[in-house]
Amino acid sequence: MFVSKLNYEVKFMIILGVDPGTAITGYGIIKVEGNKFYPLEYGCIYTETQWTNEMRLKKIYEKITAIIEKFRPDDLAVEELFFNKNTRTALSVGQARGVVLLAGALNDIPVSEYTPLQVKQSVVGYGRADKQQVQKMVKIFLNLPEIPKPDDAADALAIAVCHAHFKQTQTRRIML
């Protein structure tokens, strides 16, 4: 990342956003130049239901690590685990988050975590926005021809955009 002290803008930054899950982990890589966002790649990591939990977590770790090696992101942004009525689901999502956080730590990438409310607030301007509103704004921010699919990839891109907004605000505060 390069920061110009003359115009107080981040000139170049690559962010990896991750929406963790054991069955599907969404990821999105964006490049930020000043106030413009560019999608580099997005998609999902899928695991098979018949696999053991260890095998699922291994695949998530290996794929996230490969993405990190390919794009060399400056920052990693991950959705925080929010309260879930299904304890089993919450635990498995927490484990998936853990391997993503580990991949970031082992590659010396700063990790930031955002709640779904923070992501919606940052991307749409309203913390109670629905999924379609978030997806439409991601499409607009990244100048995409259509809403990114699947939903998990769109969510990961939204997390990356949220982080870019927080990082730009933080940078401006530091520079002033």
Protein backbone atom coordinates (compact mmCIF):
# COMPACT_ATOMS: atom_id res chain seq x y z
CA MET A 1 0.00 0.00 0.00
CA PHE A 2 1.25 3.48 -0.84
CA VAL A 3 -0.07 6.58 0.93
CA SER A 4 0.58 10.04 -0.47
CA LYS A 5 1.00 12.72 2.20
CA LEU A 6 0.17 15.40 -0.35
CA ASN A 7 -3.40 14.42 -1.16
CA TYR A 8 -4.18 12.15 1.83
CA GLU A 9 -5.43 9.27 -0.29
CA VAL A 10 -4.49 5.64 -0.36
CA LYS A 11 -3.02 5.17 -3.84
CA PHE A 12 -2.99 1.39 -4.06
CA MET A 13 -4.22 -1.41 -1.83
CA ILE A 14 -5.39 -4.99 -2.35
CA ILE A 15 -7.99 -6.36 0.07
CA LEU A 16 -9.16 -9.94 0.49
CA GLY A 17 -12.68 -10.16 1.92
CA VAL A 18 -13.90 -13.49 3.29
CA ASP A 19 -17.37 -14.70 4.25
CA PRO A 20 -16.48 -17.88 6.16
CA GLY A 21 -18.52 -21.06 6.26
CA THR A 22 -17.76 -24.75 6.43
CA ALA A 23 -19.82 -25.77 3.39
CA ILE A 24 -19.25 -22.54 1.41
CA THR A 25 -16.63 -19.88 2.04
CA GLY A 26 -17.01 -16.81 -0.12
CA TYR A 27 -14.01 -14.73 -1.09
CA GLY A 28 -13.50 -11.50 -2.97
CA ILE A 29 -10.32 -9.64 -3.85
CA ILE A 30 -10.52 -5.96 -4.68
CA LYS A 31 -7.94 -3.39 -5.67
CA VAL A 32 -8.39 0.11 -4.26
CA GLU A 33 -6.84 3.09 -6.03
CA GLY A 34 -7.82 6.36 -4.41
CA ASN A 35 -11.62 6.29 -4.33
CA LYS A 36 -12.01 3.66 -7.06
CA PHE A 37 -12.57 -0.02 -6.40
CA TYR A 38 -11.75 -2.77 -8.90
CA PRO A 39 -12.71 -6.44 -8.56
CA LEU A 40 -9.74 -8.75 -9.15
CA GLU A 41 -11.42 -12.08 -8.46
CA TYR A 42 -14.30 -13.50 -6.50
CA GLY A 43 -15.86 -16.87 -5.93
CA CYS A 44 -16.45 -19.60 -3.40
CA ILE A 45 -14.61 -22.46 -1.81
CA TYR A 46 -16.94 -25.47 -1.62
CA THR A 47 -16.53 -28.52 0.59
CA GLU A 48 -18.41 -31.80 0.42
CA THR A 49 -20.93 -32.68 3.13
CA GLN A 50 -19.58 -36.24 3.41
CA TRP A 51 -16.06 -35.02 4.21
CA THR A 52 -14.82 -34.99 7.78
CA ASN A 53 -14.68 -31.59 9.45
CA GLU A 54 -10.88 -31.75 9.38
CA MET A 55 -10.84 -32.28 5.61
CA ARG A 56 -13.26 -29.38 5.06
CA LEU A 57 -11.13 -27.04 7.16
CA LYS A 58 -7.97 -28.21 5.38
CA LYS A 59 -9.45 -27.39 1.99
CA ILE A 60 -10.57 -23.93 3.15
CA TYR A 61 -7.11 -23.24 4.57
CA GLU A 62 -5.32 -24.44 1.43
CA LYS A 63 -7.55 -22.45 -0.95
CA ILE A 64 -7.34 -19.24 1.11
CA THR A 65 -3.56 -19.66 1.31
CA ALA A 66 -3.38 -20.12 -2.48
CA ILE A 67 -5.46 -16.95 -2.99
CA ILE A 68 -3.15 -15.06 -0.62
CA GLU A 69 -0.08 -16.30 -2.50
CA LYS A 70 -1.59 -15.34 -5.86
CA PHE A 71 -2.78 -11.82 -4.99
CA ARG A 72 -0.57 -10.83 -2.03
CA PRO A 73 -3.29 -8.74 -0.33
CA ASP A 74 -2.32 -5.89 1.96
CA ASP A 75 -5.25 -6.62 4.27
CA LEU A 76 -7.66 -9.43 5.07
CA ALA A 77 -11.22 -8.60 6.13
CA VAL A 78 -13.45 -11.30 7.63
CA GLU A 79 -17.05 -11.28 8.74
CA GLU A 80 -17.38 -11.57 12.50
CA LEU A 81 -19.41 -14.42 13.87
CA PHE A 82 -22.77 -13.16 15.02
CA PHE A 83 -25.20 -14.92 17.31
CA ASN A 84 -26.75 -17.93 15.64
CA LYS A 85 -29.65 -19.94 17.03
CA ASN A 86 -28.08 -23.14 15.71
CA THR A 87 -25.10 -23.81 17.98
CA ARG A 88 -23.69 -26.49 15.68
CA THR A 89 -23.66 -24.04 12.73
CA ALA A 90 -22.08 -21.32 14.85
CA LEU A 91 -19.29 -23.65 15.94
CA SER A 92 -18.51 -24.83 12.41
CA VAL A 93 -18.50 -21.25 11.06
CA GLY A 94 -16.19 -20.32 13.94
CA GLN A 95 -13.82 -23.09 12.92
CA ALA A 96 -13.83 -21.91 9.30
CA ARG A 97 -13.12 -18.37 10.52
CA GLY A 98 -10.24 -19.77 12.56
CA VAL A 99 -8.46 -21.29 9.58
CA VAL A 100 -8.95 -18.08 7.58
CA LEU A 101 -7.50 -16.03 10.45
CA LEU A 102 -4.61 -18.49 10.72
CA ALA A 103 -3.87 -18.20 6.99
CA GLY A 104 -3.73 -14.41 7.37
CA ALA A 105 -1.53 -14.57 10.45
CA LEU A 106 0.92 -17.05 8.92
CA ASN A 107 1.26 -14.77 5.89
CA ASP A 108 1.73 -11.63 8.03
CA ILE A 109 -1.42 -9.98 6.70
CA PRO A 110 -3.29 -7.61 9.02
CA VAL A 111 -6.76 -8.99 9.73
CA SER A 112 -9.85 -6.90 10.44
CA GLU A 113 -13.24 -8.23 11.45
CA TYR A 114 -16.62 -6.66 10.73
CA THR A 115 -20.11 -7.47 11.91
CA PRO A 116 -22.90 -7.86 9.34
CA LEU A 117 -24.32 -4.58 10.69
CA GLN A 118 -21.03 -2.75 10.04
CA VAL A 119 -20.81 -4.17 6.51
CA LYS A 120 -24.38 -3.09 5.67
CA GLN A 121 -23.84 0.35 7.20
CA SER A 122 -20.63 0.87 5.25
CA VAL A 123 -21.84 -0.46 1.90
CA VAL A 124 -25.47 0.72 1.88
CA GLY A 125 -25.51 3.40 4.57
CA TYR A 126 -28.20 1.55 6.51
CA GLY A 127 -27.41 -1.20 9.02
CA ARG A 128 -30.70 -3.03 8.48
CA ALA A 129 -30.37 -3.21 4.68
CA ASP A 130 -31.46 -6.44 3.04
CA LYS A 131 -29.22 -8.74 1.04
CA GLN A 132 -30.42 -7.40 -2.33
CA GLN A 133 -29.59 -3.80 -1.36
CA VAL A 134 -26.07 -4.82 -0.33
CA GLN A 135 -25.56 -6.78 -3.55
CA LYS A 136 -26.75 -3.88 -5.71
CA MET A 137 -24.35 -1.50 -3.98
CA VAL A 138 -21.46 -3.95 -4.40
CA LYS A 139 -22.28 -4.09 -8.12
CA ILE A 140 -22.21 -0.28 -8.26
CA PHE A 141 -19.03 0.18 -6.19
CA LEU A 142 -17.14 -2.38 -8.28
CA ASN A 143 -18.68 -1.32 -11.60
CA LEU A 144 -19.76 -4.88 -12.34
CA PRO A 145 -22.13 -5.68 -15.23
CA GLU A 146 -24.34 -7.74 -12.90
CA ILE A 147 -24.76 -8.64 -9.24
CA PRO A 148 -21.98 -11.06 -8.24
CA LYS A 149 -23.05 -14.67 -7.76
CA PRO A 150 -23.23 -16.72 -5.64
CA ASP A 151 -24.40 -14.78 -2.58
CA ASP A 152 -21.39 -15.84 -0.51
CA ALA A 153 -19.01 -14.26 -3.04
CA ALA A 154 -21.11 -11.06 -3.10
CA ASP A 155 -20.98 -10.99 0.72
CA ALA A 156 -17.19 -11.39 0.65
CA LEU A 157 -16.89 -8.49 -1.81
CA ALA A 158 -19.11 -6.40 0.49
CA ILE A 159 -16.77 -7.18 3.40
CA ALA A 160 -13.78 -6.07 1.30
CA VAL A 161 -15.56 -2.83 0.30
CA CYS A 162 -16.47 -2.22 3.95
CA HIS A 163 -12.83 -2.62 4.94
CA ALA A 164 -11.73 -0.24 2.19
CA HIS A 165 -14.11 2.41 3.55
CA PHE A 166 -12.87 1.92 7.12
CA LYS A 167 -9.24 1.97 5.98
CA GLN A 168 -9.72 5.18 3.97
CA THR A 169 -11.39 6.87 6.93
CA GLN A 170 -8.62 5.69 9.24
CA THR A 171 -5.92 6.90 6.83
CA ARG A 172 -7.51 10.35 6.53
CA ARG A 173 -7.63 10.67 10.31
CA ILE A 174 -3.97 9.72 10.63
CA MET A 175 -2.90 12.13 7.89
CA LEU A 176 -4.74 15.12 9.39
